[in-house]
Amino acid sequence: MVEACRAEPDYSLWLLFDDGLEGRVYLGDLVDIVDFSAWRDIDRFLDVSVDPETGVVQWDAGICLDSAALYRDLATRVRAALQ
């Protein structure tokens, strides 16, 4: 579950998970997809939060990202960097 997150102006998202895994994922590739078009306004992207009950990363524009998918992405990149 995501405990904390912070959006960066370069469309990366810093995440901290409850097991201590932390790092950044790049989400800029999603901006051109219709469902994520609200992020074209960088201030809307930067306005991110974590639902304290579910650990879902969410934005006021109605965009939510699955914590498990974010975890897999980040864990895979961390493992690859260690090899």
C-alpha atoms as a PDB file:
ATOM      1  CA  MET A   1       0.000   0.000   0.000  1.00  0.00           C
ATOM      2  CA  VAL A   2       1.223   3.510  -0.787  1.00  0.00           C
ATOM      3  CA  GLU A   3       1.914   5.511   2.367  1.00  0.00           C
ATOM      4  CA  ALA A   4       3.106   8.742   0.753  1.00  0.00           C
ATOM      5  CA  CYS A   5       3.610  10.265  -2.671  1.00  0.00           C
ATOM      6  CA  ARG A   6       4.778  13.491  -4.242  1.00  0.00           C
ATOM      7  CA  ALA A   7       4.357  14.602  -7.845  1.00  0.00           C
ATOM      8  CA  GLU A   8       7.253  16.375  -9.560  1.00  0.00           C
ATOM      9  CA  PRO A   9       7.084  18.936 -12.397  1.00  0.00           C
ATOM     10  CA  ASP A  10       8.781  16.477 -14.788  1.00  0.00           C
ATOM     11  CA  TYR A  11       5.755  14.155 -14.508  1.00  0.00           C
ATOM     12  CA  SER A  12       7.494  11.758 -12.170  1.00  0.00           C
ATOM     13  CA  LEU A  13       5.853  10.510  -9.018  1.00  0.00           C
ATOM     14  CA  TRP A  14       7.845   9.713  -5.877  1.00  0.00           C
ATOM     15  CA  LEU A  15       6.255   6.879  -3.920  1.00  0.00           C
ATOM     16  CA  LEU A  16       6.791   5.342  -0.501  1.00  0.00           C
ATOM     17  CA  PHE A  17       5.199   1.955   0.143  1.00  0.00           C
ATOM     18  CA  ASP A  18       4.370   0.419   3.498  1.00  0.00           C
ATOM     19  CA  ASP A  19       7.190  -2.141   3.180  1.00  0.00           C
ATOM     20  CA  GLY A  20       9.807   0.598   2.756  1.00  0.00           C
ATOM     21  CA  LEU A  21      10.141   0.442  -1.030  1.00  0.00           C
ATOM     22  CA  GLU A  22      10.506   3.949  -2.376  1.00  0.00           C
ATOM     23  CA  GLY A  23      11.426   5.610  -5.626  1.00  0.00           C
ATOM     24  CA  ARG A  24      10.138   7.461  -8.656  1.00  0.00           C
ATOM     25  CA  VAL A  25       8.009   6.371 -11.570  1.00  0.00           C
ATOM     26  CA  TYR A  26       7.662   8.436 -14.736  1.00  0.00           C
ATOM     27  CA  LEU A  27       4.069   9.095 -15.816  1.00  0.00           C
ATOM     28  CA  GLY A  28       4.659  11.669 -18.555  1.00  0.00           C
ATOM     29  CA  ASP A  29       3.890   9.148 -21.285  1.00  0.00           C
ATOM     30  CA  LEU A  30       0.275   9.064 -20.064  1.00  0.00           C
ATOM     31  CA  VAL A  31      -0.393  12.778 -20.652  1.00  0.00           C
ATOM     32  CA  ASP A  32      -1.374  12.245 -24.297  1.00  0.00           C
ATOM     33  CA  ILE A  33      -3.977   9.610 -23.398  1.00  0.00           C
ATOM     34  CA  VAL A  34      -7.473  11.099 -23.194  1.00  0.00           C
ATOM     35  CA  ASP A  35      -8.163   9.748 -19.695  1.00  0.00           C
ATOM     36  CA  PHE A  36      -5.091  11.573 -18.378  1.00  0.00           C
ATOM     37  CA  SER A  37      -5.446  14.809 -20.369  1.00  0.00           C
ATOM     38  CA  ALA A  38      -6.156  16.817 -17.182  1.00  0.00           C
ATOM     39  CA  TRP A  39      -2.444  16.420 -16.423  1.00  0.00           C
ATOM     40  CA  ARG A  40      -1.588  18.724 -19.332  1.00  0.00           C
ATOM     41  CA  ASP A  41      -2.120  21.394 -16.684  1.00  0.00           C
ATOM     42  CA  ILE A  42       0.931  20.651 -14.533  1.00  0.00           C
ATOM     43  CA  ASP A  43      -0.742  22.107 -11.449  1.00  0.00           C
ATOM     44  CA  ARG A  44      -3.420  19.429 -11.695  1.00  0.00           C
ATOM     45  CA  PHE A  45      -0.759  16.729 -11.924  1.00  0.00           C
ATOM     46  CA  LEU A  46       1.055  18.135  -8.902  1.00  0.00           C
ATOM     47  CA  ASP A  47      -2.175  18.006  -6.844  1.00  0.00           C
ATOM     48  CA  VAL A  48      -1.880  14.310  -5.949  1.00  0.00           C
ATOM     49  CA  SER A  49      -2.854  12.503  -2.776  1.00  0.00           C
ATOM     50  CA  VAL A  50      -3.119   9.020  -1.318  1.00  0.00           C
ATOM     51  CA  ASP A  51      -6.456   7.676  -0.139  1.00  0.00           C
ATOM     52  CA  PRO A  52      -5.639   6.742   3.491  1.00  0.00           C
ATOM     53  CA  GLU A  53      -8.050   3.798   3.514  1.00  0.00           C
ATOM     54  CA  THR A  54      -7.133   2.146   0.210  1.00  0.00           C
ATOM     55  CA  GLY A  55      -3.635   3.439  -0.530  1.00  0.00           C
ATOM     56  CA  VAL A  56      -4.766   4.446  -4.014  1.00  0.00           C
ATOM     57  CA  VAL A  57      -2.891   7.333  -5.610  1.00  0.00           C
ATOM     58  CA  GLN A  58      -5.491   9.860  -6.767  1.00  0.00           C
ATOM     59  CA  TRP A  59      -5.993  13.265  -8.341  1.00  0.00           C
ATOM     60  CA  ASP A  60      -8.968  15.644  -8.137  1.00  0.00           C
ATOM     61  CA  ALA A  61      -9.541  15.156 -11.869  1.00  0.00           C
ATOM     62  CA  GLY A  62     -10.902  11.695 -11.050  1.00  0.00           C
ATOM     63  CA  ILE A  63      -7.692   9.933 -12.023  1.00  0.00           C
ATOM     64  CA  CYS A  64      -6.653   7.030  -9.819  1.00  0.00           C
ATOM     65  CA  LEU A  65      -3.704   4.676 -10.224  1.00  0.00           C
ATOM     66  CA  ASP A  66      -3.571   1.130  -8.949  1.00  0.00           C
ATOM     67  CA  SER A  67      -1.065   0.823  -6.106  1.00  0.00           C
ATOM     68  CA  ALA A  68      -0.194  -2.766  -7.027  1.00  0.00           C
ATOM     69  CA  ALA A  69       0.727  -1.761 -10.587  1.00  0.00           C
ATOM     70  CA  LEU A  70       2.861   1.122  -9.323  1.00  0.00           C
ATOM     71  CA  TYR A  71       4.573  -1.227  -6.867  1.00  0.00           C
ATOM     72  CA  ARG A  72       5.356  -3.802  -9.577  1.00  0.00           C
ATOM     73  CA  ASP A  73       6.782  -1.110 -11.858  1.00  0.00           C
ATOM     74  CA  LEU A  74       8.963   0.388  -9.157  1.00  0.00           C
ATOM     75  CA  ALA A  75      10.113  -2.960  -7.710  1.00  0.00           C
ATOM     76  CA  THR A  76      11.070  -4.222 -11.173  1.00  0.00           C
ATOM     77  CA  ARG A  77      13.167  -1.134 -11.844  1.00  0.00           C
ATOM     78  CA  VAL A  78      14.831  -1.307  -8.418  1.00  0.00           C
ATOM     79  CA  ARG A  79      15.723  -4.984  -8.940  1.00  0.00           C
ATOM     80  CA  ALA A  80      17.110  -4.259 -12.410  1.00  0.00           C
ATOM     81  CA  ALA A  81      19.252  -1.432 -11.041  1.00  0.00           C
ATOM     82  CA  LEU A  82      20.763  -3.759  -8.437  1.00  0.00           C
ATOM     83  CA  GLN A  83      21.922  -6.315 -11.004  1.00  0.00           C
END
